[in-house]
Amino acid sequence: MLEPLEATRVIARPAALDAVRVSPGTLLMRLALDDALVIGGDVQVDDPFAIVVPDSGWVAWRFGEDQLREALVRLCAFEIHAGLNQGMVAGLPAKIWIDGDRSLVIVAAAYAAEFEERFR
């Protein structure tokens, strides 16, 4: 079941994102050189021009790593690896995070119902 994510979007200079500090247990996903999504905690960025804003536009499906690989074998056209993966899953844009016991499939909240239907 998809659940809403408490996330923060950080847009900053690449060097500032390299030095970002997050609270323990927080997931920092680097989406691009100057763009990161922070899930589940606080973030500190040493960049006076950084944009740090709540981003409630995401939902996630949590899996164990083996469950995730089984589910994605039929829905994902690209090979997944540990860390961040981005691409089409079940025909919808998604982010896949694999880190041991923290495996997530993240989609824009606008696609939540469609994604759940296709994922079954």
PDB file of N, CA and C in Angstrom:
ATOM      1  N   MET A   1       0.833  -1.187   0.000  1.00  0.00           N
ATOM      2  CA  MET A   1       0.000   0.000   0.000  1.00  0.00           C
ATOM      3  C   MET A   1       0.874   1.244   0.000  1.00  0.00           C
ATOM      4  N   LEU A   2       0.520   2.184  -0.837  1.00  0.00           N
ATOM      5  CA  LEU A   2       1.258   3.439  -0.908  1.00  0.00           C
ATOM      6  C   LEU A   2       0.948   4.299   0.306  1.00  0.00           C
ATOM      7  N   GLU A   3       1.968   4.986   0.795  1.00  0.00           N
ATOM      8  CA  GLU A   3       1.784   5.891   1.926  1.00  0.00           C
ATOM      9  C   GLU A   3       2.444   7.227   1.608  1.00  0.00           C
ATOM     10  N   PRO A   4       1.874   8.326   2.109  1.00  0.00           N
ATOM     11  CA  PRO A   4       2.471   9.640   1.855  1.00  0.00           C
ATOM     12  C   PRO A   4       3.863   9.730   2.475  1.00  0.00           C
ATOM     13  N   LEU A   5       4.746  10.458   1.811  1.00  0.00           N
ATOM     14  CA  LEU A   5       6.098  10.672   2.323  1.00  0.00           C
ATOM     15  C   LEU A   5       6.218  12.063   2.921  1.00  0.00           C
ATOM     16  N   GLU A   6       6.875  12.154   4.054  1.00  0.00           N
ATOM     17  CA  GLU A   6       7.267  13.445   4.608  1.00  0.00           C
ATOM     18  C   GLU A   6       8.631  13.743   4.026  1.00  0.00           C
ATOM     19  N   ALA A   7       8.679  14.644   3.086  1.00  0.00           N
ATOM     20  CA  ALA A   7       9.941  14.907   2.391  1.00  0.00           C
ATOM     21  C   ALA A   7      10.248  16.397   2.381  1.00  0.00           C
ATOM     22  N   THR A   8      11.521  16.687   2.167  1.00  0.00           N
ATOM     23  CA  THR A   8      11.996  18.054   1.993  1.00  0.00           C
ATOM     24  C   THR A   8      12.794  18.086   0.708  1.00  0.00           C
ATOM     25  N   ARG A   9      12.534  19.082  -0.112  1.00  0.00           N
ATOM     26  CA  ARG A   9      13.286  19.249  -1.364  1.00  0.00           C
ATOM     27  C   ARG A   9      14.392  20.253  -1.104  1.00  0.00           C
ATOM     28  N   VAL A  10      15.596  19.941  -1.565  1.00  0.00           N
ATOM     29  CA  VAL A  10      16.745  20.829  -1.400  1.00  0.00           C
ATOM     30  C   VAL A  10      17.360  21.079  -2.767  1.00  0.00           C
ATOM     31  N   ILE A  11      17.371  22.342  -3.163  1.00  0.00           N
ATOM     32  CA  ILE A  11      18.034  22.765  -4.394  1.00  0.00           C
ATOM     33  C   ILE A  11      19.181  23.659  -3.952  1.00  0.00           C
ATOM     34  N   ALA A  12      20.402  23.295  -4.301  1.00  0.00           N
ATOM     35  CA  ALA A  12      21.570  24.052  -3.847  1.00  0.00           C
ATOM     36  C   ALA A  12      22.757  23.772  -4.764  1.00  0.00           C
ATOM     37  N   ARG A  13      23.810  24.530  -4.551  1.00  0.00           N
ATOM     38  CA  ARG A  13      25.043  24.292  -5.304  1.00  0.00           C
ATOM     39  C   ARG A  13      25.502  22.851  -5.050  1.00  0.00           C
ATOM     40  N   PRO A  14      26.078  22.203  -6.037  1.00  0.00           N
ATOM     41  CA  PRO A  14      26.536  20.825  -5.838  1.00  0.00           C
ATOM     42  C   PRO A  14      27.466  20.664  -4.633  1.00  0.00           C
ATOM     43  N   ALA A  15      28.383  21.600  -4.436  1.00  0.00           N
ATOM     44  CA  ALA A  15      29.302  21.504  -3.295  1.00  0.00           C
ATOM     45  C   ALA A  15      28.544  21.578  -1.970  1.00  0.00           C
ATOM     46  N   ALA A  16      27.500  22.387  -1.921  1.00  0.00           N
ATOM     47  CA  ALA A  16      26.697  22.483  -0.699  1.00  0.00           C
ATOM     48  C   ALA A  16      25.934  21.184  -0.451  1.00  0.00           C
ATOM     49  N   LEU A  17      25.420  20.569  -1.511  1.00  0.00           N
ATOM     50  CA  LEU A  17      24.731  19.285  -1.337  1.00  0.00           C
ATOM     51  C   LEU A  17      25.705  18.185  -0.921  1.00  0.00           C
ATOM     52  N   ASP A  18      26.941  18.269  -1.398  1.00  0.00           N
ATOM     53  CA  ASP A  18      27.951  17.290  -0.981  1.00  0.00           C
ATOM     54  C   ASP A  18      28.170  17.339   0.529  1.00  0.00           C
ATOM     55  N   ALA A  19      28.008  18.532   1.122  1.00  0.00           N
ATOM     56  CA  ALA A  19      28.292  18.733   2.544  1.00  0.00           C
ATOM     57  C   ALA A  19      27.033  18.781   3.410  1.00  0.00           C
ATOM     58  N   VAL A  20      25.884  18.444   2.861  1.00  0.00           N
ATOM     59  CA  VAL A  20      24.626  18.488   3.615  1.00  0.00           C
ATOM     60  C   VAL A  20      24.725  17.607   4.853  1.00  0.00           C
ATOM     61  N   ARG A  21      24.094  18.070   5.930  1.00  0.00           N
ATOM     62  CA  ARG A  21      24.020  17.291   7.165  1.00  0.00           C
ATOM     63  C   ARG A  21      22.560  16.932   7.415  1.00  0.00           C
ATOM     64  N   VAL A  22      22.325  15.654   7.707  1.00  0.00           N
ATOM     65  CA  VAL A  22      20.968  15.186   8.002  1.00  0.00           C
ATOM     66  C   VAL A  22      20.963  14.484   9.350  1.00  0.00           C
ATOM     67  N   SER A  23      19.792  14.447   9.987  1.00  0.00           N
ATOM     68  CA  SER A  23      19.665  13.766  11.266  1.00  0.00           C
ATOM     69  C   SER A  23      19.759  12.251  11.060  1.00  0.00           C
ATOM     70  N   PRO A  24      20.137  11.510  12.117  1.00  0.00           N
ATOM     71  CA  PRO A  24      20.258  10.053  12.000  1.00  0.00           C
ATOM     72  C   PRO A  24      18.948   9.413  11.530  1.00  0.00           C
ATOM     73  N   GLY A  25      19.068   8.407  10.679  1.00  0.00           N
ATOM     74  CA  GLY A  25      17.912   7.700  10.153  1.00  0.00           C
ATOM     75  C   GLY A  25      17.240   8.388   8.979  1.00  0.00           C
ATOM     76  N   THR A  26      17.777   9.526   8.576  1.00  0.00           N
ATOM     77  CA  THR A  26      17.212  10.291   7.467  1.00  0.00           C
ATOM     78  C   THR A  26      17.763   9.772   6.148  1.00  0.00           C
ATOM     79  N   LEU A  27      16.917   9.726   5.152  1.00  0.00           N
ATOM     80  CA  LEU A  27      17.317   9.283   3.820  1.00  0.00           C
ATOM     81  C   LEU A  27      17.528  10.506   2.935  1.00  0.00           C
ATOM     82  N   LEU A  28      18.712  10.636   2.368  1.00  0.00           N
ATOM     83  CA  LEU A  28      19.041  11.724   1.447  1.00  0.00           C
ATOM     84  C   LEU A  28      19.240  11.114   0.071  1.00  0.00           C
ATOM     85  N   MET A  29      18.361  11.470  -0.863  1.00  0.00           N
ATOM     86  CA  MET A  29      18.462  10.956  -2.233  1.00  0.00           C
ATOM     87  C   MET A  29      18.892  12.093  -3.145  1.00  0.00           C
ATOM     88  N   ARG A  30      20.037  11.938  -3.753  1.00  0.00           N
ATOM     89  CA  ARG A  30      20.557  12.939  -4.680  1.00  0.00           C
ATOM     90  C   ARG A  30      19.941  12.680  -6.045  1.00  0.00           C
ATOM     91  N   LEU A  31      19.004  13.527  -6.466  1.00  0.00           N
ATOM     92  CA  LEU A  31      18.294  13.345  -7.726  1.00  0.00           C
ATOM     93  C   LEU A  31      19.073  13.891  -8.908  1.00  0.00           C
ATOM     94  N   ALA A  32      19.855  14.928  -8.670  1.00  0.00           N
ATOM     95  CA  ALA A  32      20.693  15.560  -9.692  1.00  0.00           C
ATOM     96  C   ALA A  32      21.825  16.271  -8.958  1.00  0.00           C
ATOM     97  N   LEU A  33      22.758  16.842  -9.687  1.00  0.00           N
ATOM     98  CA  LEU A  33      23.886  17.514  -9.038  1.00  0.00           C
ATOM     99  C   LEU A  33      23.442  18.585  -8.054  1.00  0.00           C
ATOM    100  N   ASP A  34      22.359  19.286  -8.382  1.00  0.00           N
ATOM    101  CA  ASP A  34      21.916  20.408  -7.553  1.00  0.00           C
ATOM    102  C   ASP A  34      20.551  20.179  -6.904  1.00  0.00           C
ATOM    103  N   ASP A  35      20.107  18.930  -6.817  1.00  0.00           N
ATOM    104  CA  ASP A  35      18.749  18.628  -6.367  1.00  0.00           C
ATOM    105  C   ASP A  35      18.755  17.372  -5.506  1.00  0.00           C
ATOM    106  N   ALA A  36      18.132  17.457  -4.322  1.00  0.00           N
ATOM    107  CA  ALA A  36      18.047  16.296  -3.434  1.00  0.00           C
ATOM    108  C   ALA A  36      16.664  16.229  -2.804  1.00  0.00           C
ATOM    109  N   LEU A  37      16.256  15.018  -2.473  1.00  0.00           N
ATOM    110  CA  LEU A  37      15.016  14.774  -1.752  1.00  0.00           C
ATOM    111  C   LEU A  37      15.408  14.138  -0.425  1.00  0.00           C
ATOM    112  N   VAL A  38      14.969  14.749   0.668  1.00  0.00           N
ATOM    113  CA  VAL A  38      15.300  14.282   2.013  1.00  0.00           C
ATOM    114  C   VAL A  38      14.024  13.724   2.628  1.00  0.00           C
ATOM    115  N   ILE A  39      14.101  12.487   3.121  1.00  0.00           N
ATOM    116  CA  ILE A  39      12.924  11.805   3.653  1.00  0.00           C
ATOM    117  C   ILE A  39      13.154  11.436   5.112  1.00  0.00           C
ATOM    118  N   GLY A  40      12.205  11.834   5.947  1.00  0.00           N
ATOM    119  CA  GLY A  40      12.172  11.364   7.323  1.00  0.00           C
ATOM    120  C   GLY A  40      13.083  12.045   8.309  1.00  0.00           C
ATOM    121  N   GLY A  41      13.465  13.277   8.104  1.00  0.00           N
ATOM    122  CA  GLY A  41      14.303  13.945   9.094  1.00  0.00           C
ATOM    123  C   GLY A  41      14.654  15.357   8.707  1.00  0.00           C
ATOM    124  N   ASP A  42      15.511  15.940   9.524  1.00  0.00           N
ATOM    125  CA  ASP A  42      15.938  17.319   9.317  1.00  0.00           C
ATOM    126  C   ASP A  42      17.166  17.377   8.428  1.00  0.00           C
ATOM    127  N   VAL A  43      17.323  18.526   7.773  1.00  0.00           N
ATOM    128  CA  VAL A  43      18.458  18.737   6.881  1.00  0.00           C
ATOM    129  C   VAL A  43      19.033  20.124   7.140  1.00  0.00           C
ATOM    130  N   GLN A  44      20.364  20.220   7.089  1.00  0.00           N
ATOM    131  CA  GLN A  44      21.058  21.503   7.217  1.00  0.00           C
ATOM    132  C   GLN A  44      21.957  21.674   6.008  1.00  0.00           C
ATOM    133  N   VAL A  45      21.799  22.829   5.339  1.00  0.00           N
ATOM    134  CA  VAL A  45      22.561  23.118   4.126  1.00  0.00           C
ATOM    135  C   VAL A  45      23.311  24.422   4.330  1.00  0.00           C
ATOM    136  N   ASP A  46      24.606  24.400   4.056  1.00  0.00           N
ATOM    137  CA  ASP A  46      25.430  25.599   4.192  1.00  0.00           C
ATOM    138  C   ASP A  46      25.525  26.303   2.841  1.00  0.00           C
ATOM    139  N   ASP A  47      24.410  26.914   2.438  1.00  0.00           N
ATOM    140  CA  ASP A  47      24.343  27.650   1.178  1.00  0.00           C
ATOM    141  C   ASP A  47      23.264  28.717   1.347  1.00  0.00           C
ATOM    142  N   PRO A  48      23.652  29.996   1.406  1.00  0.00           N
ATOM    143  CA  PRO A  48      22.659  31.047   1.644  1.00  0.00           C
ATOM    144  C   PRO A  48      21.607  31.155   0.537  1.00  0.00           C
ATOM    145  N   PHE A  49      21.888  30.603  -0.622  1.00  0.00           N
ATOM    146  CA  PHE A  49      20.952  30.678  -1.740  1.00  0.00           C
ATOM    147  C   PHE A  49      20.181  29.374  -1.956  1.00  0.00           C
ATOM    148  N   ALA A  50      20.376  28.414  -1.070  1.00  0.00           N
ATOM    149  CA  ALA A  50      19.691  27.121  -1.199  1.00  0.00           C
ATOM    150  C   ALA A  50      18.182  27.292  -1.043  1.00  0.00           C
ATOM    151  N   ILE A  51      17.455  26.466  -1.746  1.00  0.00           N
ATOM    152  CA  ILE A  51      16.003  26.388  -1.595  1.00  0.00           C
ATOM    153  C   ILE A  51      15.729  25.103  -0.821  1.00  0.00           C
ATOM    154  N   VAL A  52      15.155  25.244   0.366  1.00  0.00           N
ATOM    155  CA  VAL A  52      14.842  24.099   1.228  1.00  0.00           C
ATOM    156  C   VAL A  52      13.365  24.225   1.596  1.00  0.00           C
ATOM    157  N   VAL A  53      12.540  23.367   1.010  1.00  0.00           N
ATOM    158  CA  VAL A  53      11.085  23.475   1.198  1.00  0.00           C
ATOM    159  C   VAL A  53      10.456  22.098   1.408  1.00  0.00           C
ATOM    160  N   PRO A  54       9.360  22.044   2.175  1.00  0.00           N
ATOM    161  CA  PRO A  54       8.630  20.777   2.293  1.00  0.00           C
ATOM    162  C   PRO A  54       8.126  20.353   0.913  1.00  0.00           C
ATOM    163  N   ASP A  55       8.155  19.055   0.666  1.00  0.00           N
ATOM    164  CA  ASP A  55       7.700  18.528  -0.621  1.00  0.00           C
ATOM    165  C   ASP A  55       6.762  17.357  -0.346  1.00  0.00           C
ATOM    166  N   SER A  56       5.481  17.639  -0.335  1.00  0.00           N
ATOM    167  CA  SER A  56       4.486  16.615   0.004  1.00  0.00           C
ATOM    168  C   SER A  56       3.930  15.916  -1.229  1.00  0.00           C
ATOM    169  N   GLY A  57       4.579  16.061  -2.348  1.00  0.00           N
ATOM    170  CA  GLY A  57       4.059  15.525  -3.599  1.00  0.00           C
ATOM    171  C   GLY A  57       4.442  14.094  -3.901  1.00  0.00           C
ATOM    172  N   TRP A  58       4.844  13.318  -2.895  1.00  0.00           N
ATOM    173  CA  TRP A  58       5.329  11.962  -3.139  1.00  0.00           C
ATOM    174  C   TRP A  58       4.628  10.944  -2.256  1.00  0.00           C
ATOM    175  N   VAL A  59       4.505   9.730  -2.777  1.00  0.00           N
ATOM    176  CA  VAL A  59       4.043   8.583  -2.001  1.00  0.00           C
ATOM    177  C   VAL A  59       5.042   7.447  -2.224  1.00  0.00           C
ATOM    178  N   ALA A  60       5.059   6.501  -1.283  1.00  0.00           N
ATOM    179  CA  ALA A  60       6.027   5.400  -1.392  1.00  0.00           C
ATOM    180  C   ALA A  60       5.393   4.077  -1.014  1.00  0.00           C
ATOM    181  N   TRP A  61       5.948   3.048  -1.586  1.00  0.00           N
ATOM    182  CA  TRP A  61       5.614   1.677  -1.260  1.00  0.00           C
ATOM    183  C   TRP A  61       6.882   1.075  -0.669  1.00  0.00           C
ATOM    184  N   ARG A  62       6.812   0.603   0.567  1.00  0.00           N
ATOM    185  CA  ARG A  62       7.988   0.041   1.251  1.00  0.00           C
ATOM    186  C   ARG A  62       8.023  -1.473   1.060  1.00  0.00           C
ATOM    187  N   PHE A  63       9.232  -1.981   0.815  1.00  0.00           N
ATOM    188  CA  PHE A  63       9.438  -3.407   0.568  1.00  0.00           C
ATOM    189  C   PHE A  63      10.696  -3.879   1.268  1.00  0.00           C
ATOM    190  N   GLY A  64      10.773  -5.192   1.506  1.00  0.00           N
ATOM    191  CA  GLY A  64      12.048  -5.820   1.751  1.00  0.00           C
ATOM    192  C   GLY A  64      12.739  -5.937   0.398  1.00  0.00           C
ATOM    193  N   GLU A  65      14.056  -6.029   0.371  1.00  0.00           N
ATOM    194  CA  GLU A  65      14.779  -6.017  -0.907  1.00  0.00           C
ATOM    195  C   GLU A  65      14.357  -7.164  -1.821  1.00  0.00           C
ATOM    196  N   ASP A  66      14.202  -8.377  -1.280  1.00  0.00           N
ATOM    197  CA  ASP A  66      13.799  -9.514  -2.113  1.00  0.00           C
ATOM    198  C   ASP A  66      12.392  -9.324  -2.674  1.00  0.00           C
ATOM    199  N   GLN A  67      11.466  -8.823  -1.845  1.00  0.00           N
ATOM    200  CA  GLN A  67      10.101  -8.549  -2.313  1.00  0.00           C
ATOM    201  C   GLN A  67      10.126  -7.541  -3.450  1.00  0.00           C
ATOM    202  N   LEU A  68      10.939  -6.511  -3.293  1.00  0.00           N
ATOM    203  CA  LEU A  68      11.017  -5.466  -4.307  1.00  0.00           C
ATOM    204  C   LEU A  68      11.514  -6.035  -5.624  1.00  0.00           C
ATOM    205  N   ARG A  69      12.584  -6.802  -5.588  1.00  0.00           N
ATOM    206  CA  ARG A  69      13.135  -7.369  -6.824  1.00  0.00           C
ATOM    207  C   ARG A  69      12.114  -8.274  -7.514  1.00  0.00           C
ATOM    208  N   GLU A  70      11.392  -9.080  -6.734  1.00  0.00           N
ATOM    209  CA  GLU A  70      10.357  -9.945  -7.314  1.00  0.00           C
ATOM    210  C   GLU A  70       9.270  -9.124  -7.998  1.00  0.00           C
ATOM    211  N   ALA A  71       8.820  -8.070  -7.330  1.00  0.00           N
ATOM    212  CA  ALA A  71       7.748  -7.244  -7.885  1.00  0.00           C
ATOM    213  C   ALA A  71       8.203  -6.497  -9.132  1.00  0.00           C
ATOM    214  N   LEU A  72       9.446  -6.027  -9.131  1.00  0.00           N
ATOM    215  CA  LEU A  72       9.904  -5.193 -10.237  1.00  0.00           C
ATOM    216  C   LEU A  72      10.329  -5.983 -11.465  1.00  0.00           C
ATOM    217  N   VAL A  73      10.593  -7.269 -11.325  1.00  0.00           N
ATOM    218  CA  VAL A  73      11.065  -8.044 -12.464  1.00  0.00           C
ATOM    219  C   VAL A  73      10.070  -7.989 -13.623  1.00  0.00           C
ATOM    220  N   ARG A  74       8.785  -7.869 -13.327  1.00  0.00           N
ATOM    221  CA  ARG A  74       7.789  -7.820 -14.400  1.00  0.00           C
ATOM    222  C   ARG A  74       7.364  -6.400 -14.764  1.00  0.00           C
ATOM    223  N   LEU A  75       7.744  -5.410 -13.950  1.00  0.00           N
ATOM    224  CA  LEU A  75       7.248  -4.047 -14.157  1.00  0.00           C
ATOM    225  C   LEU A  75       8.319  -3.027 -14.514  1.00  0.00           C
ATOM    226  N   CYS A  76       9.562  -3.438 -14.463  1.00  0.00           N
ATOM    227  CA  CYS A  76      10.655  -2.486 -14.621  1.00  0.00           C
ATOM    228  C   CYS A  76      11.537  -2.910 -15.789  1.00  0.00           C
ATOM    229  N   ALA A  77      11.748  -2.002 -16.740  1.00  0.00           N
ATOM    230  CA  ALA A  77      12.508  -2.329 -17.949  1.00  0.00           C
ATOM    231  C   ALA A  77      14.006  -2.105 -17.788  1.00  0.00           C
ATOM    232  N   PHE A  78      14.437  -1.622 -16.641  1.00  0.00           N
ATOM    233  CA  PHE A  78      15.860  -1.382 -16.437  1.00  0.00           C
ATOM    234  C   PHE A  78      16.348  -2.175 -15.232  1.00  0.00           C
ATOM    235  N   GLU A  79      17.641  -2.419 -15.183  1.00  0.00           N
ATOM    236  CA  GLU A  79      18.229  -3.169 -14.078  1.00  0.00           C
ATOM    237  C   GLU A  79      18.362  -2.265 -12.864  1.00  0.00           C
ATOM    238  N   ILE A  80      17.931  -2.762 -11.707  1.00  0.00           N
ATOM    239  CA  ILE A  80      18.032  -1.964 -10.497  1.00  0.00           C
ATOM    240  C   ILE A  80      19.270  -2.367  -9.711  1.00  0.00           C
ATOM    241  N   HIS A  81      19.776  -1.426  -8.935  1.00  0.00           N
ATOM    242  CA  HIS A  81      20.988  -1.631  -8.141  1.00  0.00           C
ATOM    243  C   HIS A  81      20.809  -0.938  -6.799  1.00  0.00           C
ATOM    244  N   ALA A  82      21.725  -1.148  -5.876  1.00  0.00           N
ATOM    245  CA  ALA A  82      21.670  -0.473  -4.581  1.00  0.00           C
ATOM    246  C   ALA A  82      21.762   1.031  -4.786  1.00  0.00           C
ATOM    247  N   GLY A  83      21.071   1.770  -3.937  1.00  0.00           N
ATOM    248  CA  GLY A  83      21.053   3.225  -4.040  1.00  0.00           C
ATOM    249  C   GLY A  83      19.842   3.697  -4.817  1.00  0.00           C
ATOM    250  N   LEU A  84      20.002   4.836  -5.485  1.00  0.00           N
ATOM    251  CA  LEU A  84      18.893   5.457  -6.208  1.00  0.00           C
ATOM    252  C   LEU A  84      18.822   4.975  -7.648  1.00  0.00           C
ATOM    253  N   ASN A  85      17.626   4.610  -8.070  1.00  0.00           N
ATOM    254  CA  ASN A  85      17.317   4.254  -9.455  1.00  0.00           C
ATOM    255  C   ASN A  85      16.152   5.139  -9.876  1.00  0.00           C
ATOM    256  N   GLN A  86      16.185   5.646 -11.099  1.00  0.00           N
ATOM    257  CA  GLN A  86      15.084   6.465 -11.602  1.00  0.00           C
ATOM    258  C   GLN A  86      14.717   5.990 -13.003  1.00  0.00           C
ATOM    259  N   GLY A  87      13.432   5.865 -13.260  1.00  0.00           N
ATOM    260  CA  GLY A  87      12.987   5.443 -14.578  1.00  0.00           C
ATOM    261  C   GLY A  87      11.515   5.085 -14.562  1.00  0.00           C
ATOM    262  N   MET A  88      11.089   4.410 -15.610  1.00  0.00           N
ATOM    263  CA  MET A  88       9.685   4.029 -15.743  1.00  0.00           C
ATOM    264  C   MET A  88       9.445   2.679 -15.059  1.00  0.00           C
ATOM    265  N   VAL A  89       8.458   2.645 -14.186  1.00  0.00           N
ATOM    266  CA  VAL A  89       8.033   1.424 -13.507  1.00  0.00           C
ATOM    267  C   VAL A  89       6.535   1.297 -13.758  1.00  0.00           C
ATOM    268  N   ALA A  90       6.140   0.198 -14.340  1.00  0.00           N
ATOM    269  CA  ALA A  90       4.731  -0.019 -14.709  1.00  0.00           C
ATOM    270  C   ALA A  90       4.226   1.116 -15.594  1.00  0.00           C
ATOM    271  N   GLY A  91       5.117   1.662 -16.411  1.00  0.00           N
ATOM    272  CA  GLY A  91       4.742   2.721 -17.337  1.00  0.00           C
ATOM    273  C   GLY A  91       4.614   4.100 -16.724  1.00  0.00           C
ATOM    274  N   LEU A  92       5.047   4.254 -15.472  1.00  0.00           N
ATOM    275  CA  LEU A  92       4.962   5.543 -14.785  1.00  0.00           C
ATOM    276  C   LEU A  92       6.340   5.944 -14.262  1.00  0.00           C
ATOM    277  N   PRO A  93       6.646   7.249 -14.233  1.00  0.00           N
ATOM    278  CA  PRO A  93       7.945   7.679 -13.715  1.00  0.00           C
ATOM    279  C   PRO A  93       8.036   7.394 -12.216  1.00  0.00           C
ATOM    280  N   ALA A  94       9.152   6.792 -11.809  1.00  0.00           N
ATOM    281  CA  ALA A  94       9.313   6.409 -10.405  1.00  0.00           C
ATOM    282  C   ALA A  94      10.772   6.503  -9.992  1.00  0.00           C
ATOM    283  N   LYS A  95      10.946   6.537  -8.687  1.00  0.00           N
ATOM    284  CA  LYS A  95      12.270   6.458  -8.086  1.00  0.00           C
ATOM    285  C   LYS A  95      12.277   5.195  -7.234  1.00  0.00           C
ATOM    286  N   ILE A  96      13.353   4.450  -7.292  1.00  0.00           N
ATOM    287  CA  ILE A  96      13.487   3.238  -6.494  1.00  0.00           C
ATOM    288  C   ILE A  96      14.724   3.409  -5.632  1.00  0.00           C
ATOM    289  N   TRP A  97      14.560   3.234  -4.331  1.00  0.00           N
ATOM    290  CA  TRP A  97      15.685   3.334  -3.411  1.00  0.00           C
ATOM    291  C   TRP A  97      15.897   1.966  -2.783  1.00  0.00           C
ATOM    292  N   ILE A  98      17.118   1.450  -2.894  1.00  0.00           N
ATOM    293  CA  ILE A  98      17.456   0.161  -2.289  1.00  0.00           C
ATOM    294  C   ILE A  98      18.664   0.365  -1.388  1.00  0.00           C
ATOM    295  N   ASP A  99      18.463   0.069  -0.102  1.00  0.00           N
ATOM    296  CA  ASP A  99      19.535   0.203   0.882  1.00  0.00           C
ATOM    297  C   ASP A  99      19.286  -0.826   1.976  1.00  0.00           C
ATOM    298  N   GLY A 100      19.657  -2.065   1.709  1.00  0.00           N
ATOM    299  CA  GLY A 100      19.437  -3.127   2.685  1.00  0.00           C
ATOM    300  C   GLY A 100      17.960  -3.293   2.979  1.00  0.00           C
ATOM    301  N   ASP A 101      17.574  -3.031   4.238  1.00  0.00           N
ATOM    302  CA  ASP A 101      16.179  -3.230   4.628  1.00  0.00           C
ATOM    303  C   ASP A 101      15.283  -2.042   4.295  1.00  0.00           C
ATOM    304  N   ARG A 102      15.852  -0.970   3.741  1.00  0.00           N
ATOM    305  CA  ARG A 102      15.039   0.195   3.355  1.00  0.00           C
ATOM    306  C   ARG A 102      14.906   0.242   1.847  1.00  0.00           C
ATOM    307  N   SER A 103      13.903  -0.408   1.337  1.00  0.00           N
ATOM    308  CA  SER A 103      13.642  -0.370  -0.101  1.00  0.00           C
ATOM    309  C   SER A 103      12.314   0.332  -0.333  1.00  0.00           C
ATOM    310  N   LEU A 104      12.332   1.331  -1.203  1.00  0.00           N
ATOM    311  CA  LEU A 104      11.146   2.131  -1.488  1.00  0.00           C
ATOM    312  C   LEU A 104      10.937   2.249  -2.984  1.00  0.00           C
ATOM    313  N   VAL A 105       9.691   2.248  -3.396  1.00  0.00           N
ATOM    314  CA  VAL A 105       9.319   2.687  -4.737  1.00  0.00           C
ATOM    315  C   VAL A 105       8.551   3.980  -4.506  1.00  0.00           C
ATOM    316  N   ILE A 106       9.045   5.069  -5.087  1.00  0.00           N
ATOM    317  CA  ILE A 106       8.483   6.396  -4.852  1.00  0.00           C
ATOM    318  C   ILE A 106       7.906   6.924  -6.159  1.00  0.00           C
ATOM    319  N   VAL A 107       6.664   7.394  -6.089  1.00  0.00           N
ATOM    320  CA  VAL A 107       6.017   7.988  -7.260  1.00  0.00           C
ATOM    321  C   VAL A 107       5.366   9.300  -6.842  1.00  0.00           C
ATOM    322  N   ALA A 108       5.134  10.160  -7.824  1.00  0.00           N
ATOM    323  CA  ALA A 108       4.407  11.400  -7.559  1.00  0.00           C
ATOM    324  C   ALA A 108       3.015  11.049  -7.049  1.00  0.00           C
ATOM    325  N   ALA A 109       2.552  11.788  -6.061  1.00  0.00           N
ATOM    326  CA  ALA A 109       1.247  11.514  -5.461  1.00  0.00           C
ATOM    327  C   ALA A 109       0.131  11.519  -6.502  1.00  0.00           C
ATOM    328  N   ALA A 110       0.287  12.311  -7.535  1.00  0.00           N
ATOM    329  CA  ALA A 110      -0.732  12.366  -8.590  1.00  0.00           C
ATOM    330  C   ALA A 110      -0.902  11.022  -9.298  1.00  0.00           C
ATOM    331  N   TYR A 111       0.125  10.168  -9.265  1.00  0.00           N
ATOM    332  CA  TYR A 111       0.071   8.858  -9.920  1.00  0.00           C
ATOM    333  C   TYR A 111      -0.272   7.721  -8.964  1.00  0.00           C
ATOM    334  N   ALA A 112      -0.568   8.011  -7.712  1.00  0.00           N
ATOM    335  CA  ALA A 112      -0.715   6.972  -6.693  1.00  0.00           C
ATOM    336  C   ALA A 112      -1.749   5.909  -7.064  1.00  0.00           C
ATOM    337  N   ALA A 113      -2.951   6.314  -7.399  1.00  0.00           N
ATOM    338  CA  ALA A 113      -4.010   5.336  -7.703  1.00  0.00           C
ATOM    339  C   ALA A 113      -3.657   4.512  -8.934  1.00  0.00           C
ATOM    340  N   GLU A 114      -3.159   5.168  -9.959  1.00  0.00           N
ATOM    341  CA  GLU A 114      -2.776   4.469 -11.191  1.00  0.00           C
ATOM    342  C   GLU A 114      -1.647   3.478 -10.914  1.00  0.00           C
ATOM    343  N   PHE A 115      -0.677   3.886 -10.114  1.00  0.00           N
ATOM    344  CA  PHE A 115       0.453   3.017  -9.805  1.00  0.00           C
ATOM    345  C   PHE A 115      -0.003   1.785  -9.031  1.00  0.00           C
ATOM    346  N   GLU A 116      -0.845   1.987  -8.022  1.00  0.00           N
ATOM    347  CA  GLU A 116      -1.334   0.843  -7.242  1.00  0.00           C
ATOM    348  C   GLU A 116      -2.081  -0.148  -8.131  1.00  0.00           C
ATOM    349  N   GLU A 117      -2.885   0.360  -9.037  1.00  0.00           N
ATOM    350  CA  GLU A 117      -3.638  -0.517  -9.936  1.00  0.00           C
ATOM    351  C   GLU A 117      -2.696  -1.326 -10.831  1.00  0.00           C
ATOM    352  N   ARG A 118      -1.681  -0.683 -11.364  1.00  0.00           N
ATOM    353  CA  ARG A 118      -0.743  -1.377 -12.258  1.00  0.00           C
ATOM    354  C   ARG A 118       0.188  -2.314 -11.503  1.00  0.00           C
ATOM    355  N   PHE A 119       0.439  -2.023 -10.233  1.00  0.00           N
ATOM    356  CA  PHE A 119       1.405  -2.804  -9.461  1.00  0.00           C
ATOM    357  C   PHE A 119       0.829  -4.122  -8.986  1.00  0.00           C
ATOM    358  N   ARG A 120      -0.475  -4.259  -8.951  1.00  0.00           N
ATOM    359  CA  ARG A 120      -1.106  -5.503  -8.462  1.00  0.00           C
ATOM    360  C   ARG A 120      -0.826  -6.663  -9.355  1.00  0.00           C
TER     361      ARG A 120
END
